[in-house]
């Protein structure tokens, strides 16, 4: 079984460095997709340069998208409603998935296709993962904020998801799978595209390193990512984000309904500093402790 690792790229160079180095021994092909249009619809320059990763160059398939989805609503002279902006963002994300799936034509039926955001790194060293014979796999990941060793421990993160090529319906289907294995007697699984029996959740499934960047870069990310409409309504500024980083506080509350955006984007949960043995081996070498010292608390 070969593994194809699929992700998108905006400008997260640190995350790609980590991803390639952590997964290289296990992955047959890295599929990286970047668009000239952000999720919010703004034109952007291409930031990924395959020549920056000479060690992995032969393994990387770099895909460029230079078009909008055909059914985009658009800005309507700046009058688009939040739910319309969100709908357009989802269409742009799904377009990147459509491009990715074209790159796995050479994969065999039993090869594993993994889909992640680029800050979600699956633990392919996991014994549970290596011993799994399931058709569909979901990786339960530790959730880190701002620094590589600051843990957000309120919720587990079900990030990277995988399926054997023969079971892959689409990339958007894979991304939207429910993070739950259902018992054999659940008849409704026979008619569902999101609930499955032949599925395994990998409990030591890796790491979600979110918002490992400066406040300025974080603001740029949040005004261009899929939920940019919510962030814009929150009124948060670069200074607000810097205060959250300095205080080691999470700014986004996953437990509040999206309609209450002021509450949702005004959280102050304290992050926990954890021991480095919870991190990938790559981050525990003496050289890399120095290389990435800026991103450790």
Protein backbone atom coordinates (compact mmCIF):
# COMPACT_ATOMS: atom_id res chain seq x y z
CA UNK A 1 0.00 0.00 0.00
CA UNK A 2 1.37 3.38 -1.03
CA UNK A 3 0.35 6.63 0.66
CA UNK A 4 -0.60 9.83 -1.17
CA UNK A 5 -0.63 12.92 1.06
CA UNK A 6 -2.89 15.72 -0.21
CA UNK A 7 -3.04 19.28 1.09
CA UNK A 8 -3.55 22.90 0.06
CA UNK A 9 -1.14 25.82 0.41
CA UNK A 10 -1.51 29.55 0.98
CA UNK A 11 1.79 30.77 2.44
CA UNK A 12 2.53 28.36 5.30
CA UNK A 13 6.21 27.62 4.65
CA UNK A 14 6.90 26.44 8.21
CA UNK A 15 4.08 23.91 8.04
CA UNK A 16 5.28 22.49 4.72
CA UNK A 17 8.82 22.15 6.07
CA UNK A 18 7.47 20.19 9.03
CA UNK A 19 5.07 18.15 6.91
CA UNK A 20 7.61 16.97 4.35
CA UNK A 21 10.23 16.08 6.96
CA UNK A 22 7.85 14.29 9.33
CA UNK A 23 6.01 12.28 6.67
CA UNK A 24 8.75 11.66 4.10
CA UNK A 25 9.62 8.10 5.19
CA UNK A 26 6.01 6.98 4.78
CA UNK A 27 4.65 8.90 1.81
CA UNK A 28 4.91 7.96 -1.87
CA UNK A 29 3.67 11.31 -3.21
CA UNK A 30 2.97 14.74 -1.75
CA UNK A 31 0.18 16.53 -3.62
CA UNK A 32 0.20 20.28 -2.93
CA UNK A 33 -2.50 22.52 -4.39
CA UNK A 34 -2.29 26.34 -4.50
CA UNK A 35 -4.65 28.85 -6.07
CA UNK A 36 -4.08 32.36 -7.42
CA UNK A 37 -7.34 33.27 -5.63
CA UNK A 38 -7.79 33.11 -1.85
CA UNK A 39 -10.83 31.51 -0.20
CA UNK A 40 -12.20 35.03 0.27
CA UNK A 41 -11.92 35.74 -3.46
CA UNK A 42 -8.86 38.01 -3.41
CA UNK A 43 -6.16 37.64 -6.04
CA UNK A 44 -2.88 36.41 -4.58
CA UNK A 45 0.59 35.60 -5.81
CA UNK A 46 1.82 32.02 -5.85
CA UNK A 47 3.92 31.40 -2.74
CA UNK A 48 4.95 27.75 -3.00
CA UNK A 49 8.32 27.09 -4.64
CA UNK A 50 9.17 23.43 -5.15
CA UNK A 51 12.87 24.38 -5.43
CA UNK A 52 12.83 25.30 -1.72
CA UNK A 53 12.42 21.60 -0.96
CA UNK A 54 15.15 19.86 -3.00
CA UNK A 55 15.16 16.79 -0.73
CA UNK A 56 11.51 16.10 -1.53
CA UNK A 57 11.28 17.55 -5.04
CA UNK A 58 10.82 14.20 -6.78
CA UNK A 59 7.92 13.35 -4.47
CA UNK A 60 5.97 16.60 -4.82
CA UNK A 61 3.18 17.19 -7.32
CA UNK A 62 2.49 20.93 -7.27
CA UNK A 63 -0.90 21.92 -8.69
CA UNK A 64 -1.83 25.51 -9.58
CA UNK A 65 -5.44 26.71 -9.81
CA UNK A 66 -5.95 29.88 -11.83
CA UNK A 67 -9.72 30.02 -12.10
CA UNK A 68 -12.88 30.55 -10.06
CA UNK A 69 -15.62 27.94 -9.66
CA UNK A 70 -18.28 28.34 -12.33
CA UNK A 71 -21.15 29.00 -9.92
CA UNK A 72 -19.50 31.67 -7.77
CA UNK A 73 -21.82 34.36 -6.38
CA UNK A 74 -19.15 37.05 -6.24
CA UNK A 75 -18.85 40.24 -4.27
CA UNK A 76 -21.90 41.98 -5.74
CA UNK A 77 -20.22 45.39 -5.44
CA UNK A 78 -19.25 44.59 -1.87
CA UNK A 79 -22.82 43.79 -0.82
CA UNK A 80 -22.56 40.01 -0.55
CA UNK A 81 -24.14 38.63 2.63
CA UNK A 82 -22.02 36.58 5.07
CA UNK A 83 -23.64 33.27 4.11
CA UNK A 84 -22.99 34.05 0.42
CA UNK A 85 -19.32 34.78 1.15
CA UNK A 86 -19.10 31.49 3.05
CA UNK A 87 -20.76 29.63 0.18
CA UNK A 88 -18.24 31.05 -2.29
CA UNK A 89 -15.37 30.05 0.03
CA UNK A 90 -16.63 26.45 0.16
CA UNK A 91 -16.86 26.36 -3.64
CA UNK A 92 -13.24 27.50 -3.93
CA UNK A 93 -12.14 24.86 -1.42
CA UNK A 94 -14.05 22.15 -3.28
CA UNK A 95 -12.43 23.28 -6.54
CA UNK A 96 -9.01 22.58 -5.00
CA UNK A 97 -10.26 19.09 -4.08
CA UNK A 98 -11.36 18.50 -7.66
CA UNK A 99 -7.87 19.40 -8.87
CA UNK A 100 -6.23 17.11 -6.31
CA UNK A 101 -8.22 14.05 -7.24
CA UNK A 102 -6.92 14.26 -10.81
CA UNK A 103 -3.41 13.72 -9.41
CA UNK A 104 -4.17 10.32 -7.88
CA UNK A 105 -5.00 8.58 -11.16
CA UNK A 106 -1.81 6.54 -10.90
CA UNK A 107 -2.67 5.27 -7.42
CA UNK A 108 -3.78 1.65 -7.10
CA UNK A 109 -7.14 0.67 -5.64
CA UNK A 110 -5.62 -0.25 -2.26
CA UNK A 111 -3.37 2.79 -1.98
CA UNK A 112 -4.27 5.21 0.80
CA UNK A 113 -5.29 8.79 0.01
CA UNK A 114 -4.85 11.19 2.95
CA UNK A 115 -6.45 14.65 2.94
CA UNK A 116 -5.39 17.32 5.45
CA UNK A 117 -5.19 21.03 5.90
CA UNK A 118 -1.47 21.74 5.77
CA UNK A 119 -1.31 22.36 9.54
CA UNK A 120 -2.76 18.88 10.22
CA UNK A 121 0.01 16.27 10.24
CA UNK A 122 -1.03 12.62 10.62
CA UNK A 123 1.04 10.27 12.75
CA UNK A 124 1.99 7.58 10.24
CA UNK A 125 4.34 6.04 12.79
CA UNK A 126 1.36 5.03 14.96
CA UNK A 127 1.15 1.28 15.63
CA UNK A 128 -2.63 1.51 15.52
CA UNK A 129 -2.44 3.07 12.06
CA UNK A 130 0.08 0.50 10.80
CA UNK A 131 -2.09 -2.37 12.04
CA UNK A 132 -5.35 -0.99 10.68
CA UNK A 133 -7.02 -2.78 7.78
CA UNK A 134 -10.01 -0.44 7.55
CA UNK A 135 -11.06 1.23 4.32
CA UNK A 136 -11.54 4.63 5.97
CA UNK A 137 -9.32 6.22 8.63
CA UNK A 138 -9.67 9.38 10.72
CA UNK A 139 -6.71 10.75 12.68
CA UNK A 140 -7.46 12.11 16.16
CA UNK A 141 -4.83 14.80 16.69
CA UNK A 142 -3.36 16.92 19.47
CA UNK A 143 -4.34 20.55 19.02
CA UNK A 144 -1.55 23.16 19.31
CA UNK A 145 -1.89 26.97 19.17
CA UNK A 146 0.69 29.73 18.43
CA UNK A 147 3.66 27.58 19.49
CA UNK A 148 4.67 24.00 18.74
CA UNK A 149 4.35 23.02 22.41
CA UNK A 150 1.27 25.00 23.55
CA UNK A 151 -1.64 22.58 23.75
CA UNK A 152 -5.32 23.47 23.46
CA UNK A 153 -6.68 20.63 25.57
CA UNK A 154 -10.42 21.34 25.54
CA UNK A 155 -11.13 19.37 22.39
CA UNK A 156 -9.43 16.67 20.31
CA UNK A 157 -8.96 17.54 16.66
CA UNK A 158 -10.21 15.12 14.02
CA UNK A 159 -8.17 16.55 11.17
CA UNK A 160 -6.47 14.32 8.61
CA UNK A 161 -8.77 11.78 6.99
CA UNK A 162 -7.93 8.91 4.68
CA UNK A 163 -9.53 6.33 2.43
CA UNK A 164 -8.34 3.63 0.11
CA UNK A 165 -8.62 4.81 -3.46
CA UNK A 166 -11.26 2.19 -4.27
CA UNK A 167 -13.47 3.63 -1.50
CA UNK A 168 -12.84 7.31 -2.25
CA UNK A 169 -16.07 8.99 -3.35
CA UNK A 170 -14.57 12.48 -3.64
CA UNK A 171 -12.19 14.69 -1.66
CA UNK A 172 -15.05 16.80 -0.30
CA UNK A 173 -16.77 13.58 0.81
CA UNK A 174 -13.57 12.55 2.61
CA UNK A 175 -13.18 15.91 4.34
CA UNK A 176 -16.78 15.86 5.60
CA UNK A 177 -16.75 12.36 7.10
CA UNK A 178 -18.21 12.10 10.60
CA UNK A 179 -15.57 11.47 13.26
CA UNK A 180 -17.33 8.43 14.62
CA UNK A 181 -17.35 4.71 13.96
CA UNK A 182 -20.88 3.28 13.90
CA UNK A 183 -21.88 -0.19 15.16
CA UNK A 184 -22.77 -2.95 12.68
CA UNK A 185 -26.47 -2.82 13.54
CA UNK A 186 -26.87 0.81 12.46
CA UNK A 187 -28.91 0.25 9.30
CA UNK A 188 -28.77 3.95 8.42
CA UNK A 189 -25.06 3.56 7.56
CA UNK A 190 -26.11 1.65 4.45
CA UNK A 191 -27.71 4.80 3.06
CA UNK A 192 -25.31 7.45 4.38
CA UNK A 193 -22.40 9.19 2.68
CA UNK A 194 -20.92 10.35 6.00
CA UNK A 195 -21.53 7.46 8.46
CA UNK A 196 -19.56 4.23 8.12
CA UNK A 197 -18.91 0.93 9.90
CA UNK A 198 -15.62 0.00 8.17
CA UNK A 199 -13.82 2.97 9.70
CA UNK A 200 -11.11 3.39 12.31
CA UNK A 201 -10.18 6.41 14.43
CA UNK A 202 -6.44 6.52 15.16
CA UNK A 203 -6.18 7.73 18.75
CA UNK A 204 -2.54 8.81 18.54
CA UNK A 205 -3.28 10.33 15.16
CA UNK A 206 -0.83 13.21 15.01
CA UNK A 207 -0.74 16.95 15.44
CA UNK A 208 -2.76 20.00 14.47
CA UNK A 209 -0.36 22.97 14.61
CA UNK A 210 -2.68 25.91 14.12
CA UNK A 211 -1.81 29.61 13.94
CA UNK A 212 1.94 29.09 14.34
CA UNK A 213 2.74 32.54 12.95
CA UNK A 214 3.05 36.21 13.83
CA UNK A 215 -0.03 38.29 14.62
CA UNK A 216 0.32 40.08 11.27
CA UNK A 217 0.45 36.83 9.32
CA UNK A 218 -2.39 35.43 11.39
CA UNK A 219 -4.58 38.43 10.56
CA UNK A 220 -3.82 37.93 6.87
CA UNK A 221 -4.74 34.27 7.16
CA UNK A 222 -8.02 34.92 8.97
CA UNK A 223 -9.17 37.52 6.44
CA UNK A 224 -8.59 35.06 3.60
CA UNK A 225 -9.53 31.61 4.91
CA UNK A 226 -12.84 29.75 4.64
CA UNK A 227 -14.48 31.45 7.65
CA UNK A 228 -13.28 34.94 6.71
CA UNK A 229 -16.88 36.22 6.84
CA UNK A 230 -17.12 35.38 10.57
CA UNK A 231 -13.74 36.89 11.33
CA UNK A 232 -14.63 40.14 9.58
CA UNK A 233 -17.79 40.42 11.70
CA UNK A 234 -15.79 39.82 14.89
CA UNK A 235 -13.95 43.14 14.51
CA UNK A 236 -10.67 41.65 15.78
CA UNK A 237 -7.50 43.55 14.92
CA UNK A 238 -3.81 42.65 14.68
CA UNK A 239 -3.34 44.13 18.17
CA UNK A 240 -6.13 41.94 19.54
CA UNK A 241 -4.46 38.86 18.08
CA UNK A 242 -1.07 39.91 19.49
CA UNK A 243 -2.57 40.19 22.98
CA UNK A 244 -4.00 36.68 22.66
CA UNK A 245 -0.60 35.33 21.59
CA UNK A 246 1.21 37.15 24.43
CA UNK A 247 -1.31 35.87 26.99
CA UNK A 248 -1.30 32.34 25.51
CA UNK A 249 -5.07 32.49 25.11
CA UNK A 250 -7.24 30.83 22.48
CA UNK A 251 -9.30 33.43 20.61
CA UNK A 252 -11.90 31.16 18.99
CA UNK A 253 -14.60 29.28 20.92
CA UNK A 254 -15.65 26.10 19.12
CA UNK A 255 -18.53 25.58 21.56
CA UNK A 256 -20.50 28.71 20.61
CA UNK A 257 -22.95 28.82 17.70
CA UNK A 258 -21.68 30.76 14.69
CA UNK A 259 -24.59 33.21 14.92
CA UNK A 260 -23.05 34.53 18.15
CA UNK A 261 -19.88 35.63 16.40
CA UNK A 262 -18.91 38.24 19.01
CA UNK A 263 -18.81 35.53 21.67
CA UNK A 264 -17.32 32.99 19.32
CA UNK A 265 -14.33 35.18 18.51
CA UNK A 266 -13.75 36.51 22.04
CA UNK A 267 -12.42 33.51 23.94
CA UNK A 268 -9.70 33.54 26.60
CA UNK A 269 -8.97 29.90 27.37
CA UNK A 270 -5.39 29.42 28.57
CA UNK A 271 -3.11 27.09 26.62
CA UNK A 272 -1.04 24.41 28.35
CA UNK A 273 2.69 24.00 27.84
CA UNK A 274 3.47 20.32 27.35
CA UNK A 275 6.55 18.13 27.31
CA UNK A 276 8.20 17.74 23.93
CA UNK A 277 7.92 13.94 23.93
CA UNK A 278 4.34 14.44 22.72
CA UNK A 279 5.70 16.02 19.53
CA UNK A 280 6.98 14.35 16.35
CA UNK A 281 10.50 12.89 16.59
CA UNK A 282 11.67 15.39 13.99
CA UNK A 283 11.05 18.28 16.39
CA UNK A 284 12.98 16.67 19.21
CA UNK A 285 16.42 16.58 17.64
CA UNK A 286 18.95 19.03 19.06
CA UNK A 287 19.43 20.71 15.69
CA UNK A 288 15.72 21.24 15.15
CA UNK A 289 15.19 22.51 18.67
CA UNK A 290 17.55 25.31 17.63
CA UNK A 291 16.12 25.67 14.12
CA UNK A 292 12.58 26.15 15.39
CA UNK A 293 13.35 27.83 18.74
CA UNK A 294 11.20 30.84 17.78
CA UNK A 295 8.17 28.55 17.75
CA UNK A 296 8.66 26.96 21.14
CA UNK A 297 7.39 28.52 24.35
